[in-house]
PDB file of N, CA and C in Angstrom:
ATOM      1  N   MET A   1       0.833  -1.190   0.000  1.00  0.00           N
ATOM      2  CA  MET A   1       0.000   0.000   0.000  1.00  0.00           C
ATOM      3  C   MET A   1       0.873   1.247   0.000  1.00  0.00           C
ATOM      4  N   ASP A   2       0.286   2.324  -0.407  1.00  0.00           N
ATOM      5  CA  ASP A   2       0.958   3.615  -0.458  1.00  0.00           C
ATOM      6  C   ASP A   2       1.275   4.086   0.964  1.00  0.00           C
ATOM      7  N   LYS A   3       2.528   4.458   1.203  1.00  0.00           N
ATOM      8  CA  LYS A   3       2.966   4.896   2.532  1.00  0.00           C
ATOM      9  C   LYS A   3       2.168   6.101   3.032  1.00  0.00           C
ATOM     10  N   GLN A   4       1.906   7.065   2.146  1.00  0.00           N
ATOM     11  CA  GLN A   4       1.143   8.259   2.545  1.00  0.00           C
ATOM     12  C   GLN A   4      -0.271   7.884   2.963  1.00  0.00           C
ATOM     13  N   PHE A   5      -0.896   6.952   2.214  1.00  0.00           N
ATOM     14  CA  PHE A   5      -2.241   6.489   2.551  1.00  0.00           C
ATOM     15  C   PHE A   5      -2.251   5.876   3.952  1.00  0.00           C
ATOM     16  N   LEU A   6      -1.293   5.000   4.237  1.00  0.00           N
ATOM     17  CA  LEU A   6      -1.238   4.360   5.553  1.00  0.00           C
ATOM     18  C   LEU A   6      -1.047   5.381   6.670  1.00  0.00           C
ATOM     19  N   GLU A   7      -0.189   6.362   6.441  1.00  0.00           N
ATOM     20  CA  GLU A   7       0.030   7.409   7.447  1.00  0.00           C
ATOM     21  C   GLU A   7      -1.238   8.228   7.672  1.00  0.00           C
ATOM     22  N   ASP A   8      -1.932   8.571   6.582  1.00  0.00           N
ATOM     23  CA  ASP A   8      -3.165   9.355   6.693  1.00  0.00           C
ATOM     24  C   ASP A   8      -4.245   8.582   7.440  1.00  0.00           C
ATOM     25  N   VAL A   9      -4.379   7.294   7.139  1.00  0.00           N
ATOM     26  CA  VAL A   9      -5.389   6.469   7.809  1.00  0.00           C
ATOM     27  C   VAL A   9      -5.053   6.324   9.288  1.00  0.00           C
ATOM     28  N   LYS A  10      -3.809   6.040   9.594  1.00  0.00           N
ATOM     29  CA  LYS A  10      -3.410   5.875  10.997  1.00  0.00           C
ATOM     30  C   LYS A  10      -3.647   7.156  11.797  1.00  0.00           C
ATOM     31  N   SER A  11      -3.214   8.289  11.258  1.00  0.00           N
ATOM     32  CA  SER A  11      -3.389   9.542  12.002  1.00  0.00           C
ATOM     33  C   SER A  11      -4.860   9.937  12.078  1.00  0.00           C
ATOM     34  N   GLY A  12      -5.604   9.686  11.017  1.00  0.00           N
ATOM     35  CA  GLY A  12      -7.025  10.040  11.011  1.00  0.00           C
ATOM     36  C   GLY A  12      -7.854   9.208  11.962  1.00  0.00           C
ATOM     37  N   LEU A  13      -7.544   7.922  12.053  1.00  0.00           N
ATOM     38  CA  LEU A  13      -8.345   7.045  12.904  1.00  0.00           C
ATOM     39  C   LEU A  13      -7.915   7.060  14.367  1.00  0.00           C
ATOM     40  N   THR A  14      -6.750   7.629  14.647  1.00  0.00           N
ATOM     41  CA  THR A  14      -6.344   7.773  16.043  1.00  0.00           C
ATOM     42  C   THR A  14      -6.669   9.163  16.581  1.00  0.00           C
ATOM     43  N   ALA A  15      -7.116  10.055  15.698  1.00  0.00           N
ATOM     44  CA  ALA A  15      -7.490  11.415  16.106  1.00  0.00           C
ATOM     45  C   ALA A  15      -8.855  11.401  16.798  1.00  0.00           C
ATOM     46  N   SER A  16      -9.158  12.488  17.468  1.00  0.00           N
ATOM     47  CA  SER A  16     -10.466  12.630  18.094  1.00  0.00           C
ATOM     48  C   SER A  16     -11.040  13.977  17.684  1.00  0.00           C
ATOM     49  N   PRO A  17     -12.074  14.032  16.892  1.00  0.00           N
ATOM     50  CA  PRO A  17     -12.833  12.904  16.345  1.00  0.00           C
ATOM     51  C   PRO A  17     -12.096  12.253  15.168  1.00  0.00           C
ATOM     52  N   LYS A  18     -12.436  11.006  14.892  1.00  0.00           N
ATOM     53  CA  LYS A  18     -11.822  10.268  13.801  1.00  0.00           C
ATOM     54  C   LYS A  18     -12.192  10.907  12.466  1.00  0.00           C
ATOM     55  N   SER A  19     -11.274  10.833  11.500  1.00  0.00           N
ATOM     56  CA  SER A  19     -11.546  11.418  10.184  1.00  0.00           C
ATOM     57  C   SER A  19     -10.668  10.762   9.131  1.00  0.00           C
ATOM     58  N   LEU A  20     -11.099  10.858   7.893  1.00  0.00           N
ATOM     59  CA  LEU A  20     -10.296  10.454   6.739  1.00  0.00           C
ATOM     60  C   LEU A  20     -10.457  11.526   5.673  1.00  0.00           C
ATOM     61  N   SER A  21      -9.401  11.792   4.953  1.00  0.00           N
ATOM     62  CA  SER A  21      -9.442  12.808   3.905  1.00  0.00           C
ATOM     63  C   SER A  21     -10.407  12.409   2.798  1.00  0.00           C
ATOM     64  N   SER A  22     -11.128  13.386   2.278  1.00  0.00           N
ATOM     65  CA  SER A  22     -12.076  13.112   1.195  1.00  0.00           C
ATOM     66  C   SER A  22     -11.374  12.664  -0.082  1.00  0.00           C
ATOM     67  N   LYS A  23     -10.067  12.893  -0.198  1.00  0.00           N
ATOM     68  CA  LYS A  23      -9.351  12.478  -1.412  1.00  0.00           C
ATOM     69  C   LYS A  23      -9.353  10.965  -1.586  1.00  0.00           C
ATOM     70  N   TYR A  24      -9.661  10.220  -0.527  1.00  0.00           N
ATOM     71  CA  TYR A  24      -9.724   8.764  -0.627  1.00  0.00           C
ATOM     72  C   TYR A  24     -11.113   8.268  -1.020  1.00  0.00           C
ATOM     73  N   PHE A  25     -12.085   9.153  -1.109  1.00  0.00           N
ATOM     74  CA  PHE A  25     -13.448   8.763  -1.463  1.00  0.00           C
ATOM     75  C   PHE A  25     -13.885   9.283  -2.831  1.00  0.00           C
ATOM     76  N   TYR A  26     -13.266  10.358  -3.305  1.00  0.00           N
ATOM     77  CA  TYR A  26     -13.697  11.022  -4.533  1.00  0.00           C
ATOM     78  C   TYR A  26     -12.527  11.184  -5.487  1.00  0.00           C
ATOM     79  N   ASP A  27     -12.835  11.358  -6.777  1.00  0.00           N
ATOM     80  CA  ASP A  27     -11.785  11.705  -7.728  1.00  0.00           C
ATOM     81  C   ASP A  27     -11.386  13.164  -7.479  1.00  0.00           C
ATOM     82  N   GLU A  28     -10.452  13.668  -8.254  1.00  0.00           N
ATOM     83  CA  GLU A  28      -9.934  15.022  -8.011  1.00  0.00           C
ATOM     84  C   GLU A  28     -11.028  16.086  -8.066  1.00  0.00           C
ATOM     85  N   ALA A  29     -11.932  15.979  -9.041  1.00  0.00           N
ATOM     86  CA  ALA A  29     -13.014  16.968  -9.163  1.00  0.00           C
ATOM     87  C   ALA A  29     -13.961  16.888  -7.971  1.00  0.00           C
ATOM     88  N   GLY A  30     -14.319  15.692  -7.565  1.00  0.00           N
ATOM     89  CA  GLY A  30     -15.207  15.518  -6.418  1.00  0.00           C
ATOM     90  C   GLY A  30     -14.563  15.970  -5.125  1.00  0.00           C
ATOM     91  N   ASP A  31     -13.271  15.726  -4.987  1.00  0.00           N
ATOM     92  CA  ASP A  31     -12.555  16.137  -3.777  1.00  0.00           C
ATOM     93  C   ASP A  31     -12.593  17.653  -3.611  1.00  0.00           C
ATOM     94  N   LYS A  32     -12.519  18.390  -4.713  1.00  0.00           N
ATOM     95  CA  LYS A  32     -12.568  19.855  -4.641  1.00  0.00           C
ATOM     96  C   LYS A  32     -13.936  20.348  -4.181  1.00  0.00           C
ATOM     97  N   LEU A  33     -14.980  19.578  -4.488  1.00  0.00           N
ATOM     98  CA  LEU A  33     -16.326  19.964  -4.062  1.00  0.00           C
ATOM     99  C   LEU A  33     -16.531  19.769  -2.564  1.00  0.00           C
ATOM    100  N   PHE A  34     -15.878  18.784  -2.008  1.00  0.00           N
ATOM    101  CA  PHE A  34     -16.078  18.464  -0.600  1.00  0.00           C
ATOM    102  C   PHE A  34     -14.855  18.808   0.200  1.00  0.00           C
TER     103      PHE A  34
END
């Protein structure tokens, strides 16, 4: 897996509140909308 992805997931899921970047759910155009 991509090292940046793993770091983002680890930091996002250990944060309070938990979060994940929208760039992992949408393409580039969709990410700009959200």
